[in-house]
Amino acid sequence: MGLSTSLFTGLSGLNSNARSIEVTGNNIANANTVGFKSSRVSFETQLSQTIGAGRAPSAELGGTNPSQVGLGSRTASITRDFSTGSIQPTGVNTDAAIEGNGFFIVKNGGEQFYTRAGNFSIDSNFNLVTSAGALVQGFGVDDEFKVAEGQLTNI
């Protein structure tokens, strides 16, 4: 292996560690953010070089695996952790939480968005809204308390 290969391997390792610190820093910075879900980063070998061939087993000896050396790393994925965290009462009747998978549907400026943050309040028209004023949506309920699926309405 040459000097340039060694430098590339070291540089890719530094870049991978920088990405790991970025993800960890984001997790720490948002630890108390309502509805925040942490992320984790996974790495993989960017390139590898075979430095020794493998051999098939024989009657006298077992086989050997090929020898490889990694020539750098890269980010394979950054995944969001959607496992259920601890749900804590806030004492505010309009706050809500989702246990497990799912999102709240909100409408802002005619567009639909999804959020895990459930810190809602009531606006002057008695609609449930987010802290940014987006309307929380859901399926309506009729007089017999049956859910009217199909068309989302403001709550």
C-alpha atoms as a PDB file:
ATOM      1  CA  MET A   1       0.000   0.000   0.000  1.00  0.00           C
ATOM      2  CA  GLY A   2       1.269   3.392  -0.931  1.00  0.00           C
ATOM      3  CA  LEU A   3       1.334   6.636   0.928  1.00  0.00           C
ATOM      4  CA  SER A   4      -1.675   8.009  -0.966  1.00  0.00           C
ATOM      5  CA  THR A   5      -3.749   4.954  -0.020  1.00  0.00           C
ATOM      6  CA  SER A   6      -2.831   5.378   3.636  1.00  0.00           C
ATOM      7  CA  LEU A   7      -3.724   9.063   3.546  1.00  0.00           C
ATOM      8  CA  PHE A   8      -7.060   8.331   1.858  1.00  0.00           C
ATOM      9  CA  THR A   9      -7.873   5.653   4.450  1.00  0.00           C
ATOM     10  CA  GLY A  10      -7.047   8.009   7.317  1.00  0.00           C
ATOM     11  CA  LEU A  11      -8.986  10.897   5.761  1.00  0.00           C
ATOM     12  CA  SER A  12     -12.095   8.765   5.177  1.00  0.00           C
ATOM     13  CA  GLY A  13     -11.915   7.642   8.821  1.00  0.00           C
ATOM     14  CA  LEU A  14     -11.761  11.266   9.967  1.00  0.00           C
ATOM     15  CA  ASN A  15     -14.776  12.099   7.774  1.00  0.00           C
ATOM     16  CA  SER A  16     -16.709   9.155   9.220  1.00  0.00           C
ATOM     17  CA  ASN A  17     -15.922  10.264  12.771  1.00  0.00           C
ATOM     18  CA  ALA A  18     -16.966  13.826  11.929  1.00  0.00           C
ATOM     19  CA  ARG A  19     -20.337  12.524  10.675  1.00  0.00           C
ATOM     20  CA  SER A  20     -20.768  10.497  13.877  1.00  0.00           C
ATOM     21  CA  ILE A  21     -20.084  13.601  15.987  1.00  0.00           C
ATOM     22  CA  GLU A  22     -22.583  15.622  13.884  1.00  0.00           C
ATOM     23  CA  VAL A  23     -25.338  13.052  14.482  1.00  0.00           C
ATOM     24  CA  THR A  24     -24.512  12.799  18.200  1.00  0.00           C
ATOM     25  CA  GLY A  25     -24.447  16.599  18.511  1.00  0.00           C
ATOM     26  CA  ASN A  26     -27.851  16.828  16.826  1.00  0.00           C
ATOM     27  CA  ASN A  27     -29.232  14.233  19.242  1.00  0.00           C
ATOM     28  CA  ILE A  28     -27.893  16.131  22.255  1.00  0.00           C
ATOM     29  CA  ALA A  29     -29.045  19.533  20.979  1.00  0.00           C
ATOM     30  CA  ASN A  30     -32.595  18.266  20.455  1.00  0.00           C
ATOM     31  CA  ALA A  31     -32.882  16.019  23.521  1.00  0.00           C
ATOM     32  CA  ASN A  32     -35.610  18.221  25.051  1.00  0.00           C
ATOM     33  CA  THR A  33     -37.380  19.079  21.786  1.00  0.00           C
ATOM     34  CA  VAL A  34     -41.015  17.975  21.803  1.00  0.00           C
ATOM     35  CA  GLY A  35     -41.524  14.895  19.595  1.00  0.00           C
ATOM     36  CA  PHE A  36     -37.814  14.567  18.684  1.00  0.00           C
ATOM     37  CA  LYS A  37     -36.573  11.140  17.642  1.00  0.00           C
ATOM     38  CA  SER A  38     -32.844  10.502  17.817  1.00  0.00           C
ATOM     39  CA  SER A  39     -30.749   9.181  14.945  1.00  0.00           C
ATOM     40  CA  ARG A  40     -27.859   6.780  14.692  1.00  0.00           C
ATOM     41  CA  VAL A  41     -25.209   6.477  12.039  1.00  0.00           C
ATOM     42  CA  SER A  42     -23.911   3.227  10.512  1.00  0.00           C
ATOM     43  CA  PHE A  43     -20.669   2.892   8.587  1.00  0.00           C
ATOM     44  CA  GLU A  44     -19.377   0.523   5.942  1.00  0.00           C
ATOM     45  CA  THR A  45     -16.114  -0.210   4.176  1.00  0.00           C
ATOM     46  CA  GLN A  46     -15.683   2.090   1.213  1.00  0.00           C
ATOM     47  CA  LEU A  47     -13.036   0.045  -0.587  1.00  0.00           C
ATOM     48  CA  SER A  48     -11.132  -3.092   0.292  1.00  0.00           C
ATOM     49  CA  GLN A  49      -8.088  -4.874  -1.078  1.00  0.00           C
ATOM     50  CA  THR A  50      -7.549  -8.625  -1.049  1.00  0.00           C
ATOM     51  CA  ILE A  51      -4.019  -9.265   0.227  1.00  0.00           C
ATOM     52  CA  GLY A  52      -4.232 -13.039   0.528  1.00  0.00           C
ATOM     53  CA  ALA A  53      -6.229 -15.536  -1.512  1.00  0.00           C
ATOM     54  CA  GLY A  54      -8.457 -18.101   0.121  1.00  0.00           C
ATOM     55  CA  ARG A  55      -7.918 -21.846  -0.278  1.00  0.00           C
ATOM     56  CA  ALA A  56     -10.454 -24.632  -0.520  1.00  0.00           C
ATOM     57  CA  PRO A  57     -10.363 -27.370   2.126  1.00  0.00           C
ATOM     58  CA  SER A  58      -8.435 -30.551   1.363  1.00  0.00           C
ATOM     59  CA  ALA A  59      -8.295 -33.988   2.960  1.00  0.00           C
ATOM     60  CA  GLU A  60      -5.438 -32.893   5.249  1.00  0.00           C
ATOM     61  CA  LEU A  61      -6.255 -29.219   5.932  1.00  0.00           C
ATOM     62  CA  GLY A  62      -9.288 -27.057   6.365  1.00  0.00           C
ATOM     63  CA  GLY A  63      -9.727 -24.147   3.979  1.00  0.00           C
ATOM     64  CA  THR A  64      -8.699 -20.572   4.619  1.00  0.00           C
ATOM     65  CA  ASN A  65     -10.623 -17.385   4.047  1.00  0.00           C
ATOM     66  CA  PRO A  66      -9.181 -14.649   1.882  1.00  0.00           C
ATOM     67  CA  SER A  67      -7.494 -11.815   3.741  1.00  0.00           C
ATOM     68  CA  GLN A  68      -8.785  -8.352   3.059  1.00  0.00           C
ATOM     69  CA  VAL A  69      -7.858  -4.953   4.366  1.00  0.00           C
ATOM     70  CA  GLY A  70     -10.215  -2.002   4.328  1.00  0.00           C
ATOM     71  CA  LEU A  71      -9.153   1.092   2.423  1.00  0.00           C
ATOM     72  CA  GLY A  72     -11.536   3.608   3.908  1.00  0.00           C
ATOM     73  CA  SER A  73     -14.941   3.989   5.472  1.00  0.00           C
ATOM     74  CA  ARG A  74     -18.086   5.859   4.562  1.00  0.00           C
ATOM     75  CA  THR A  75     -21.513   6.535   6.007  1.00  0.00           C
ATOM     76  CA  ALA A  76     -23.848   3.675   5.140  1.00  0.00           C
ATOM     77  CA  SER A  77     -26.981   5.214   6.644  1.00  0.00           C
ATOM     78  CA  ILE A  78     -28.363   7.610   9.198  1.00  0.00           C
ATOM     79  CA  THR A  79     -31.525   6.074  10.633  1.00  0.00           C
ATOM     80  CA  ARG A  80     -34.162   7.593  12.877  1.00  0.00           C
ATOM     81  CA  ASP A  81     -35.002   5.682  16.057  1.00  0.00           C
ATOM     82  CA  PHE A  82     -38.790   5.381  16.210  1.00  0.00           C
ATOM     83  CA  SER A  83     -38.880   3.235  19.343  1.00  0.00           C
ATOM     84  CA  THR A  84     -41.347   4.442  21.931  1.00  0.00           C
ATOM     85  CA  GLY A  85     -39.829   6.804  24.448  1.00  0.00           C
ATOM     86  CA  SER A  86     -41.230   7.667  27.815  1.00  0.00           C
ATOM     87  CA  ILE A  87     -44.562   9.488  27.666  1.00  0.00           C
ATOM     88  CA  GLN A  88     -44.852  12.038  30.438  1.00  0.00           C
ATOM     89  CA  PRO A  89     -47.913  13.981  31.531  1.00  0.00           C
ATOM     90  CA  THR A  90     -47.652  17.725  30.983  1.00  0.00           C
ATOM     91  CA  GLY A  91     -50.753  18.876  32.809  1.00  0.00           C
ATOM     92  CA  VAL A  92     -52.012  20.580  29.630  1.00  0.00           C
ATOM     93  CA  ASN A  93     -55.299  19.094  28.385  1.00  0.00           C
ATOM     94  CA  THR A  94     -54.566  19.821  24.718  1.00  0.00           C
ATOM     95  CA  ASP A  95     -51.196  18.025  24.670  1.00  0.00           C
ATOM     96  CA  ALA A  96     -51.169  14.616  23.006  1.00  0.00           C
ATOM     97  CA  ALA A  97     -48.623  11.846  22.410  1.00  0.00           C
ATOM     98  CA  ILE A  98     -48.286   8.989  19.970  1.00  0.00           C
ATOM     99  CA  GLU A  99     -47.176   5.650  21.344  1.00  0.00           C
ATOM    100  CA  GLY A 100     -45.531   3.529  18.668  1.00  0.00           C
ATOM    101  CA  ASN A 101     -45.494   4.354  14.975  1.00  0.00           C
ATOM    102  CA  GLY A 102     -47.427   7.238  13.515  1.00  0.00           C
ATOM    103  CA  PHE A 103     -47.619  10.983  13.054  1.00  0.00           C
ATOM    104  CA  PHE A 104     -50.066  13.785  13.656  1.00  0.00           C
ATOM    105  CA  ILE A 105     -51.387  15.288  10.423  1.00  0.00           C
ATOM    106  CA  VAL A 106     -51.382  19.077  10.327  1.00  0.00           C
ATOM    107  CA  LYS A 107     -52.396  21.545   7.634  1.00  0.00           C
ATOM    108  CA  ASN A 108     -50.538  24.812   7.158  1.00  0.00           C
ATOM    109  CA  GLY A 109     -51.198  27.141   4.238  1.00  0.00           C
ATOM    110  CA  GLY A 110     -53.157  24.490   2.337  1.00  0.00           C
ATOM    111  CA  GLU A 111     -50.352  21.916   2.596  1.00  0.00           C
ATOM    112  CA  GLN A 112     -50.318  18.776   4.754  1.00  0.00           C
ATOM    113  CA  PHE A 113     -47.398  18.038   7.035  1.00  0.00           C
ATOM    114  CA  TYR A 114     -46.626  15.297   9.542  1.00  0.00           C
ATOM    115  CA  THR A 115     -45.251  15.775  13.056  1.00  0.00           C
ATOM    116  CA  ARG A 116     -44.579  13.808  16.215  1.00  0.00           C
ATOM    117  CA  ALA A 117     -44.818  16.953  18.368  1.00  0.00           C
ATOM    118  CA  GLY A 118     -48.095  16.987  20.276  1.00  0.00           C
ATOM    119  CA  ASN A 119     -47.875  20.297  22.125  1.00  0.00           C
ATOM    120  CA  PHE A 120     -51.168  21.696  20.844  1.00  0.00           C
ATOM    121  CA  SER A 121     -53.416  24.574  21.877  1.00  0.00           C
ATOM    122  CA  ILE A 122     -56.834  25.966  20.946  1.00  0.00           C
ATOM    123  CA  ASP A 123     -57.050  28.956  18.576  1.00  0.00           C
ATOM    124  CA  SER A 124     -59.691  31.716  18.585  1.00  0.00           C
ATOM    125  CA  ASN A 125     -61.950  29.573  16.316  1.00  0.00           C
ATOM    126  CA  PHE A 126     -61.719  26.617  18.751  1.00  0.00           C
ATOM    127  CA  ASN A 127     -59.492  24.583  16.415  1.00  0.00           C
ATOM    128  CA  LEU A 128     -56.671  22.434  17.748  1.00  0.00           C
ATOM    129  CA  VAL A 129     -53.421  23.949  16.430  1.00  0.00           C
ATOM    130  CA  THR A 130     -49.662  23.492  16.707  1.00  0.00           C
ATOM    131  CA  SER A 131     -47.437  26.113  18.299  1.00  0.00           C
ATOM    132  CA  ALA A 132     -46.816  27.459  14.761  1.00  0.00           C
ATOM    133  CA  GLY A 133     -50.567  27.763  14.083  1.00  0.00           C
ATOM    134  CA  ALA A 134     -50.968  24.735  11.791  1.00  0.00           C
ATOM    135  CA  LEU A 135     -54.381  23.063  12.035  1.00  0.00           C
ATOM    136  CA  VAL A 136     -54.383  19.561  13.493  1.00  0.00           C
ATOM    137  CA  GLN A 137     -56.436  17.203  11.331  1.00  0.00           C
ATOM    138  CA  GLY A 138     -58.225  13.913  11.781  1.00  0.00           C
ATOM    139  CA  PHE A 139     -61.318  11.993  10.776  1.00  0.00           C
ATOM    140  CA  GLY A 140     -64.638  13.393  11.907  1.00  0.00           C
ATOM    141  CA  VAL A 141     -67.037  11.630  14.277  1.00  0.00           C
ATOM    142  CA  ASP A 142     -70.808  11.530  13.733  1.00  0.00           C
ATOM    143  CA  ASP A 143     -73.585  11.818  16.354  1.00  0.00           C
ATOM    144  CA  GLU A 144     -73.317   8.082  17.066  1.00  0.00           C
ATOM    145  CA  PHE A 145     -69.566   8.401  17.690  1.00  0.00           C
ATOM    146  CA  LYS A 146     -68.655   6.518  14.507  1.00  0.00           C
ATOM    147  CA  VAL A 147     -65.495   7.647  12.738  1.00  0.00           C
ATOM    148  CA  ALA A 148     -66.203   9.078   9.284  1.00  0.00           C
ATOM    149  CA  GLU A 149     -63.135   7.772   7.399  1.00  0.00           C
ATOM    150  CA  GLY A 150     -62.017   9.198   4.106  1.00  0.00           C
ATOM    151  CA  GLN A 151     -61.993  12.983   4.424  1.00  0.00           C
ATOM    152  CA  LEU A 152     -59.713  14.695   6.907  1.00  0.00           C
ATOM    153  CA  THR A 153     -61.188  17.602   8.835  1.00  0.00           C
ATOM    154  CA  ASN A 154     -59.811  20.152  11.274  1.00  0.00           C
ATOM    155  CA  ILE A 155     -60.092  19.068  14.888  1.00  0.00           C
END
